[in-house]
Amino acid sequence: MKDFKNIFCALIFCTAFEEIRQFFRMAHKTRAERRKLFASKFQQFNNLATANI
């Protein structure tokens, strides 16, 4: 975390990164199922991200 200016910026980044990682997590899915689900997950994420701006 040395590239962040302070520890709080690193904390915010890590928290947001973990939330996004969990949103896109597709455990116990086959590769084909992941491919099908990824487009819809990405669209949902894009809608969430643009709604908060």
PDB file of N, CA and C in Angstrom:
ATOM      1  N   MET A   1       0.804  -1.192   0.000  1.00  0.00           N
ATOM      2  CA  MET A   1       0.000   0.000   0.000  1.00  0.00           C
ATOM      3  C   MET A   1       0.852   1.264   0.000  1.00  0.00           C
ATOM      4  N   LYS A   2       2.109   1.133  -0.331  1.00  0.00           N
ATOM      5  CA  LYS A   2       3.017   2.282  -0.274  1.00  0.00           C
ATOM      6  C   LYS A   2       2.713   3.344  -1.325  1.00  0.00           C
ATOM      7  N   ASP A   3       1.976   3.001  -2.392  1.00  0.00           N
ATOM      8  CA  ASP A   3       1.688   3.977  -3.436  1.00  0.00           C
ATOM      9  C   ASP A   3       0.523   4.904  -3.095  1.00  0.00           C
ATOM     10  N   PHE A   4      -0.217   4.583  -2.050  1.00  0.00           N
ATOM     11  CA  PHE A   4      -1.296   5.461  -1.629  1.00  0.00           C
ATOM     12  C   PHE A   4      -0.736   6.578  -0.756  1.00  0.00           C
ATOM     13  N   LYS A   5      -1.354   7.745  -0.834  1.00  0.00           N
ATOM     14  CA  LYS A   5      -0.846   8.890  -0.074  1.00  0.00           C
ATOM     15  C   LYS A   5      -1.051   8.717   1.429  1.00  0.00           C
ATOM     16  N   ASN A   6      -2.158   8.072   1.800  1.00  0.00           N
ATOM     17  CA  ASN A   6      -2.354   7.791   3.222  1.00  0.00           C
ATOM     18  C   ASN A   6      -3.110   6.480   3.392  1.00  0.00           C
ATOM     19  N   ILE A   7      -3.169   6.001   4.588  1.00  0.00           N
ATOM     20  CA  ILE A   7      -3.754   4.699   4.878  1.00  0.00           C
ATOM     21  C   ILE A   7      -5.253   4.678   4.609  1.00  0.00           C
ATOM     22  N   PHE A   8      -5.926   5.810   4.751  1.00  0.00           N
ATOM     23  CA  PHE A   8      -7.368   5.852   4.555  1.00  0.00           C
ATOM     24  C   PHE A   8      -7.741   5.684   3.076  1.00  0.00           C
ATOM     25  N   CYS A   9      -6.930   6.212   2.181  1.00  0.00           N
ATOM     26  CA  CYS A   9      -7.153   6.000   0.752  1.00  0.00           C
ATOM     27  C   CYS A   9      -7.007   4.517   0.408  1.00  0.00           C
ATOM     28  N   ALA A  10      -6.028   3.879   0.990  1.00  0.00           N
ATOM     29  CA  ALA A  10      -5.818   2.448   0.770  1.00  0.00           C
ATOM     30  C   ALA A  10      -6.999   1.647   1.315  1.00  0.00           C
ATOM     31  N   LEU A  11      -7.498   2.029   2.462  1.00  0.00           N
ATOM     32  CA  LEU A  11      -8.643   1.347   3.068  1.00  0.00           C
ATOM     33  C   LEU A  11      -9.878   1.459   2.193  1.00  0.00           C
ATOM     34  N   ILE A  12     -10.143   2.636   1.671  1.00  0.00           N
ATOM     35  CA  ILE A  12     -11.297   2.841   0.794  1.00  0.00           C
ATOM     36  C   ILE A  12     -11.156   2.005  -0.475  1.00  0.00           C
ATOM     37  N   PHE A  13      -9.955   2.026  -1.067  1.00  0.00           N
ATOM     38  CA  PHE A  13      -9.734   1.249  -2.275  1.00  0.00           C
ATOM     39  C   PHE A  13      -9.942  -0.240  -2.025  1.00  0.00           C
ATOM     40  N   CYS A  14      -9.358  -0.757  -0.965  1.00  0.00           N
ATOM     41  CA  CYS A  14      -9.451  -2.191  -0.678  1.00  0.00           C
ATOM     42  C   CYS A  14     -10.888  -2.621  -0.385  1.00  0.00           C
ATOM     43  N   THR A  15     -11.622  -1.775   0.307  1.00  0.00           N
ATOM     44  CA  THR A  15     -13.017  -2.087   0.604  1.00  0.00           C
ATOM     45  C   THR A  15     -13.843  -2.134  -0.677  1.00  0.00           C
ATOM     46  N   ALA A  16     -13.676  -1.146  -1.525  1.00  0.00           N
ATOM     47  CA  ALA A  16     -14.414  -1.113  -2.786  1.00  0.00           C
ATOM     48  C   ALA A  16     -14.014  -2.284  -3.681  1.00  0.00           C
ATOM     49  N   PHE A  17     -12.717  -2.580  -3.738  1.00  0.00           N
ATOM     50  CA  PHE A  17     -12.245  -3.687  -4.565  1.00  0.00           C
ATOM     51  C   PHE A  17     -12.853  -5.003  -4.102  1.00  0.00           C
ATOM     52  N   GLU A  18     -12.927  -5.223  -2.802  1.00  0.00           N
ATOM     53  CA  GLU A  18     -13.487  -6.456  -2.258  1.00  0.00           C
ATOM     54  C   GLU A  18     -14.976  -6.573  -2.581  1.00  0.00           C
ATOM     55  N   GLU A  19     -15.709  -5.470  -2.495  1.00  0.00           N
ATOM     56  CA  GLU A  19     -17.130  -5.489  -2.832  1.00  0.00           C
ATOM     57  C   GLU A  19     -17.339  -5.844  -4.308  1.00  0.00           C
ATOM     58  N   ILE A  20     -16.541  -5.266  -5.172  1.00  0.00           N
ATOM     59  CA  ILE A  20     -16.660  -5.546  -6.605  1.00  0.00           C
ATOM     60  C   ILE A  20     -16.269  -6.988  -6.896  1.00  0.00           C
ATOM     61  N   ARG A  21     -15.226  -7.482  -6.236  1.00  0.00           N
ATOM     62  CA  ARG A  21     -14.793  -8.864  -6.429  1.00  0.00           C
ATOM     63  C   ARG A  21     -15.895  -9.839  -6.019  1.00  0.00           C
ATOM     64  N   GLN A  22     -16.551  -9.563  -4.900  1.00  0.00           N
ATOM     65  CA  GLN A  22     -17.635 -10.432  -4.446  1.00  0.00           C
ATOM     66  C   GLN A  22     -18.841 -10.357  -5.389  1.00  0.00           C
ATOM     67  N   PHE A  23     -19.093  -9.182  -5.968  1.00  0.00           N
ATOM     68  CA  PHE A  23     -20.207  -9.030  -6.900  1.00  0.00           C
ATOM     69  C   PHE A  23     -20.012  -9.904  -8.133  1.00  0.00           C
ATOM     70  N   PHE A  24     -18.778  -9.964  -8.637  1.00  0.00           N
ATOM     71  CA  PHE A  24     -18.502 -10.735  -9.845  1.00  0.00           C
ATOM     72  C   PHE A  24     -18.132 -12.188  -9.567  1.00  0.00           C
ATOM     73  N   ARG A  25     -18.071 -12.584  -8.307  1.00  0.00           N
ATOM     74  CA  ARG A  25     -17.676 -13.947  -7.962  1.00  0.00           C
ATOM     75  C   ARG A  25     -18.731 -14.929  -8.435  1.00  0.00           C
ATOM     76  N   MET A  26     -18.284 -15.979  -9.079  1.00  0.00           N
ATOM     77  CA  MET A  26     -19.187 -17.004  -9.585  1.00  0.00           C
ATOM     78  C   MET A  26     -18.632 -18.379  -9.227  1.00  0.00           C
ATOM     79  N   ALA A  27     -18.614 -18.672  -7.963  1.00  0.00           N
ATOM     80  CA  ALA A  27     -18.087 -19.954  -7.500  1.00  0.00           C
ATOM     81  C   ALA A  27     -19.032 -21.088  -7.896  1.00  0.00           C
ATOM     82  N   HIS A  28     -18.459 -22.228  -8.110  1.00  0.00           N
ATOM     83  CA  HIS A  28     -19.200 -23.447  -8.436  1.00  0.00           C
ATOM     84  C   HIS A  28     -19.974 -23.324  -9.749  1.00  0.00           C
ATOM     85  N   LYS A  29     -19.438 -22.595 -10.682  1.00  0.00           N
ATOM     86  CA  LYS A  29     -20.038 -22.467 -12.013  1.00  0.00           C
ATOM     87  C   LYS A  29     -19.048 -22.994 -13.045  1.00  0.00           C
ATOM     88  N   THR A  30     -19.573 -23.554 -14.104  1.00  0.00           N
ATOM     89  CA  THR A  30     -18.694 -24.001 -15.182  1.00  0.00           C
ATOM     90  C   THR A  30     -18.243 -22.794 -15.986  1.00  0.00           C
ATOM     91  N   ARG A  31     -17.256 -22.981 -16.807  1.00  0.00           N
ATOM     92  CA  ARG A  31     -16.745 -21.885 -17.629  1.00  0.00           C
ATOM     93  C   ARG A  31     -17.836 -21.334 -18.546  1.00  0.00           C
ATOM     94  N   ALA A  32     -18.656 -22.209 -19.104  1.00  0.00           N
ATOM     95  CA  ALA A  32     -19.741 -21.773 -19.985  1.00  0.00           C
ATOM     96  C   ALA A  32     -20.777 -20.950 -19.214  1.00  0.00           C
ATOM     97  N   GLU A  33     -21.100 -21.380 -17.999  1.00  0.00           N
ATOM     98  CA  GLU A  33     -22.055 -20.625 -17.185  1.00  0.00           C
ATOM     99  C   GLU A  33     -21.498 -19.256 -16.817  1.00  0.00           C
ATOM    100  N   ARG A  34     -20.207 -19.201 -16.502  1.00  0.00           N
ATOM    101  CA  ARG A  34     -19.580 -17.918 -16.175  1.00  0.00           C
ATOM    102  C   ARG A  34     -19.634 -16.963 -17.351  1.00  0.00           C
ATOM    103  N   ARG A  35     -19.373 -17.485 -18.560  1.00  0.00           N
ATOM    104  CA  ARG A  35     -19.416 -16.638 -19.756  1.00  0.00           C
ATOM    105  C   ARG A  35     -20.805 -16.055 -19.952  1.00  0.00           C
ATOM    106  N   LYS A  36     -21.834 -16.876 -19.754  1.00  0.00           N
ATOM    107  CA  LYS A  36     -23.209 -16.399 -19.929  1.00  0.00           C
ATOM    108  C   LYS A  36     -23.587 -15.370 -18.871  1.00  0.00           C
ATOM    109  N   LEU A  37     -23.156 -15.593 -17.642  1.00  0.00           N
ATOM    110  CA  LEU A  37     -23.530 -14.708 -16.545  1.00  0.00           C
ATOM    111  C   LEU A  37     -22.745 -13.409 -16.512  1.00  0.00           C
ATOM    112  N   PHE A  38     -21.536 -13.413 -17.059  1.00  0.00           N
ATOM    113  CA  PHE A  38     -20.680 -12.235 -16.935  1.00  0.00           C
ATOM    114  C   PHE A  38     -21.286 -11.008 -17.607  1.00  0.00           C
ATOM    115  N   ALA A  39     -21.865 -11.169 -18.775  1.00  0.00           N
ATOM    116  CA  ALA A  39     -22.442 -10.015 -19.483  1.00  0.00           C
ATOM    117  C   ALA A  39     -23.556  -9.377 -18.666  1.00  0.00           C
ATOM    118  N   SER A  40     -24.425 -10.181 -18.089  1.00  0.00           N
ATOM    119  CA  SER A  40     -25.519  -9.619 -17.293  1.00  0.00           C
ATOM    120  C   SER A  40     -24.983  -8.994 -16.003  1.00  0.00           C
ATOM    121  N   LYS A  41     -23.987  -9.622 -15.376  1.00  0.00           N
ATOM    122  CA  LYS A  41     -23.385  -9.052 -14.163  1.00  0.00           C
ATOM    123  C   LYS A  41     -22.724  -7.715 -14.479  1.00  0.00           C
ATOM    124  N   PHE A  42     -22.025  -7.643 -15.602  1.00  0.00           N
ATOM    125  CA  PHE A  42     -21.355  -6.404 -15.970  1.00  0.00           C
ATOM    126  C   PHE A  42     -22.374  -5.303 -16.242  1.00  0.00           C
ATOM    127  N   GLN A  43     -23.482  -5.647 -16.880  1.00  0.00           N
ATOM    128  CA  GLN A  43     -24.536  -4.663 -17.145  1.00  0.00           C
ATOM    129  C   GLN A  43     -25.134  -4.163 -15.831  1.00  0.00           C
ATOM    130  N   GLN A  44     -25.373  -5.072 -14.883  1.00  0.00           N
ATOM    131  CA  GLN A  44     -25.883  -4.669 -13.575  1.00  0.00           C
ATOM    132  C   GLN A  44     -24.904  -3.740 -12.870  1.00  0.00           C
ATOM    133  N   PHE A  45     -23.631  -4.092 -12.914  1.00  0.00           N
ATOM    134  CA  PHE A  45     -22.607  -3.259 -12.278  1.00  0.00           C
ATOM    135  C   PHE A  45     -22.547  -1.886 -12.930  1.00  0.00           C
ATOM    136  N   ASN A  46     -22.617  -1.841 -14.240  1.00  0.00           N
ATOM    137  CA  ASN A  46     -22.588  -0.568 -14.962  1.00  0.00           C
ATOM    138  C   ASN A  46     -23.793   0.296 -14.576  1.00  0.00           C
ATOM    139  N   ASN A  47     -24.955  -0.323 -14.447  1.00  0.00           N
ATOM    140  CA  ASN A  47     -26.144   0.427 -14.041  1.00  0.00           C
ATOM    141  C   ASN A  47     -25.990   0.970 -12.619  1.00  0.00           C
ATOM    142  N   LEU A  48     -25.431   0.161 -11.726  1.00  0.00           N
ATOM    143  CA  LEU A  48     -25.203   0.620 -10.347  1.00  0.00           C
ATOM    144  C   LEU A  48     -24.199   1.770 -10.307  1.00  0.00           C
ATOM    145  N   ALA A  49     -23.144   1.647 -11.083  1.00  0.00           N
ATOM    146  CA  ALA A  49     -22.088   2.657 -11.080  1.00  0.00           C
ATOM    147  C   ALA A  49     -22.600   3.980 -11.667  1.00  0.00           C
ATOM    148  N   THR A  50     -23.373   3.930 -12.714  1.00  0.00           N
ATOM    149  CA  THR A  50     -23.862   5.169 -13.318  1.00  0.00           C
ATOM    150  C   THR A  50     -25.011   5.775 -12.529  1.00  0.00           C
ATOM    151  N   ALA A  51     -25.750   4.964 -11.767  1.00  0.00           N
ATOM    152  CA  ALA A  51     -26.845   5.486 -10.963  1.00  0.00           C
ATOM    153  C   ALA A  51     -26.332   6.310  -9.788  1.00  0.00           C
ATOM    154  N   ASN A  52     -25.116   6.015  -9.327  1.00  0.00           N
ATOM    155  CA  ASN A  52     -24.577   6.703  -8.176  1.00  0.00           C
ATOM    156  C   ASN A  52     -23.815   7.972  -8.528  1.00  0.00           C
ATOM    157  N   ILE A  53     -23.717   8.274  -9.788  1.00  0.00           N
ATOM    158  CA  ILE A  53     -22.966   9.485 -10.191  1.00  0.00           C
ATOM    159  C   ILE A  53     -23.834  10.701 -10.126  1.00  0.00           C
TER     160      ILE A  53
END
